[in-house]
Protein backbone atom coordinates (compact mmCIF):
# COMPACT_ATOMS: atom_id res chain seq x y z
CA UNK A 1 7.72 -11.97 18.99
CA UNK A 2 6.24 -14.68 21.05
CA UNK A 3 6.36 -17.94 18.99
CA UNK A 4 4.41 -19.89 21.20
CA UNK A 5 1.12 -18.00 21.34
CA UNK A 6 -0.72 -20.80 19.64
CA UNK A 7 0.46 -23.06 22.69
CA UNK A 8 -0.67 -20.58 24.83
CA UNK A 9 -3.95 -20.32 23.98
CA UNK A 10 -4.53 -23.71 23.69
CA UNK A 11 -3.10 -24.28 27.61
CA UNK A 12 -5.49 -21.26 28.42
CA UNK A 13 -8.37 -22.64 26.66
CA UNK A 14 -7.91 -25.84 28.62
CA UNK A 15 -7.77 -24.35 32.08
CA UNK A 16 -10.63 -22.37 31.08
CA UNK A 17 -12.47 -25.57 30.07
CA UNK A 18 -11.54 -27.23 33.40
CA UNK A 19 -13.23 -24.21 35.43
CA UNK A 20 -16.16 -24.54 33.34
CA UNK A 21 -16.64 -27.97 33.95
CA UNK A 22 -16.30 -27.73 37.76
CA UNK A 23 -19.06 -24.90 37.69
CA UNK A 24 -21.33 -26.98 35.83
CA UNK A 25 -20.67 -30.26 37.34
CA UNK A 26 -20.22 -29.36 41.44
CA UNK A 27 -20.29 -32.94 42.45
CA UNK A 28 -17.05 -33.61 40.86
CA UNK A 29 -15.34 -30.20 41.23
CA UNK A 30 -12.56 -30.97 43.77
CA UNK A 31 -11.58 -34.18 41.08
CA UNK A 32 -11.68 -31.46 38.66
CA UNK A 33 -9.22 -29.02 39.85
CA UNK A 34 -6.99 -31.98 41.40
CA UNK A 35 -6.39 -32.96 37.79
CA UNK A 36 -5.15 -29.75 37.06
CA UNK A 37 -1.45 -30.09 37.60
CA UNK A 38 -0.04 -26.82 39.75
CA UNK A 39 2.64 -26.84 36.79
CA UNK A 40 -0.09 -25.73 34.27
CA UNK A 41 -0.72 -22.30 36.08
CA UNK A 42 2.83 -21.45 36.68
CA UNK A 43 3.53 -22.19 32.89
CA UNK A 44 0.85 -20.07 32.27
CA UNK A 45 1.67 -17.49 34.34
CA UNK A 46 4.85 -17.12 32.86
CA UNK A 47 4.01 -17.21 29.36
CA UNK A 48 1.64 -14.49 29.84
CA UNK A 49 4.27 -12.50 31.44
CA UNK A 50 6.53 -13.04 28.00
CA UNK A 51 3.87 -12.09 25.97
CA UNK A 52 3.40 -8.77 28.00
CA UNK A 53 7.21 -8.29 27.60
CA UNK A 54 6.66 -8.81 23.69
CA UNK A 55 4.08 -6.56 23.69
CA UNK A 56 6.23 -3.45 22.36
CA UNK A 57 8.13 -5.46 19.65
CA UNK A 58 4.86 -7.12 18.31
CA UNK A 59 3.39 -3.31 18.43
CA UNK A 60 6.31 -2.12 16.37
CA UNK A 61 6.19 -5.04 14.07
CA UNK A 62 2.17 -4.27 13.31
CA UNK A 63 2.91 -0.20 12.75
CA UNK A 64 5.95 -1.73 10.68
CA UNK A 65 3.52 -3.58 8.71
CA UNK A 66 1.10 -0.92 8.48
CA UNK A 67 3.66 1.48 7.07
CA UNK A 68 4.65 -0.81 4.18
CA UNK A 69 1.14 -1.66 3.31
CA UNK A 70 -0.05 1.80 3.03
CA UNK A 71 3.32 2.52 0.90
CA UNK A 72 2.51 -0.53 -1.39
CA UNK A 73 -1.11 0.91 -1.64
CA UNK A 74 0.23 4.95 -2.66
CA UNK A 75 2.50 3.17 -5.24
CA UNK A 76 0.44 0.88 -6.88
CA UNK A 77 -2.17 3.76 -7.16
CA UNK A 78 0.95 5.75 -8.63
CA UNK A 79 1.63 3.00 -10.90
CA UNK A 80 -2.18 2.79 -12.33
CA UNK A 81 -2.16 6.07 -12.75
CA UNK A 82 0.89 6.08 -15.15
CA UNK A 83 -0.20 2.91 -16.93
CA UNK A 84 -4.05 4.30 -17.63
CA UNK A 85 -1.42 7.89 -18.50
CA UNK A 86 0.42 5.84 -20.91
CA UNK A 87 -2.40 3.85 -22.50
CA UNK A 88 -4.04 7.45 -23.41
CA UNK A 89 -0.50 8.61 -24.78
CA UNK A 90 -0.41 5.52 -27.05
CA UNK A 91 -4.02 5.80 -28.23
CA UNK A 92 -3.52 9.62 -29.22
CA UNK A 93 -0.22 9.08 -30.83
CA UNK A 94 -1.99 5.99 -32.98
CA UNK A 95 -4.89 8.55 -33.78
CA UNK A 96 -2.50 10.97 -35.09
CA UNK A 97 -0.39 8.75 -37.06
CA UNK A 98 -3.48 7.11 -38.54
CA UNK A 99 -4.90 10.65 -39.30
CA UNK A 100 -1.09 11.61 -40.87
CA UNK A 101 -1.36 8.41 -42.99
CA UNK A 102 -4.56 8.94 -44.24
CA UNK A 103 -3.97 12.90 -44.78
CA UNK A 104 -0.81 14.02 -45.33
CA UNK A 105 -1.53 16.30 -47.72
CA UNK A 106 -3.78 18.35 -45.06
CA UNK A 107 -0.91 17.50 -42.28
CA UNK A 108 1.51 19.20 -44.53
CA UNK A 109 -0.97 22.20 -44.84
CA UNK A 110 -1.76 22.90 -41.28
CA UNK A 111 2.40 22.76 -40.52
CA UNK A 112 2.76 25.13 -43.46
CA UNK A 113 0.20 27.56 -41.67
CA UNK A 114 1.77 26.97 -38.41
CA UNK A 115 4.92 28.01 -39.87
CA UNK A 116 3.42 30.89 -41.76
CA UNK A 117 1.88 32.09 -38.61
CA UNK A 118 5.33 32.25 -36.71
CA UNK A 119 6.57 34.46 -39.22
CA UNK A 120 3.73 36.33 -38.97
CA UNK A 121 4.21 40.28 -37.66
CA UNK A 122 1.01 39.71 -35.69
CA UNK A 123 3.15 37.75 -33.15
CA UNK A 124 4.30 39.73 -29.95
CA UNK A 125 8.27 41.43 -30.40
CA UNK A 126 10.70 39.11 -29.39
CA UNK A 127 11.78 38.87 -26.01
CA UNK A 128 14.82 41.19 -24.67
CA UNK A 129 18.48 39.75 -24.88
CA UNK A 130 18.67 39.41 -21.30
CA UNK A 131 15.79 36.62 -20.96
CA UNK A 132 16.63 34.99 -24.73
CA UNK A 133 19.02 32.77 -23.11
CA UNK A 134 16.68 31.85 -20.08
CA UNK A 135 13.61 31.33 -22.56
CA UNK A 136 13.57 28.93 -25.16
CA UNK A 137 13.41 30.44 -28.61
CA UNK A 138 10.59 30.62 -31.13
């Protein structure tokens, strides 16, 4: 918003140093003040006014950067959670595939038991016709 801010700080620092020198070396005070050009103060005051005018813009830019940072942080956290979940699902898939490969007859037995249970009379009665279209069939 104010591109010459480093120059402004440098000019301000120079003037402050001259004022400090004038306090320290009182005998040379008049010479030190004489070495400061009146134009230095005018430029400094004009720069300060420009900085004040740019303050709302700088504040808005800082707020925008803060919002971007927070948004990126949320996206990163969600991405990490999805990645962790994906790794867990992959590990479970590998375990299930390994078990299915090592014990195919046991898997067939379990699937058969599930199928027998689904045809069992102990299951609750089927859903009424009005709900059957909405709910998944067993």
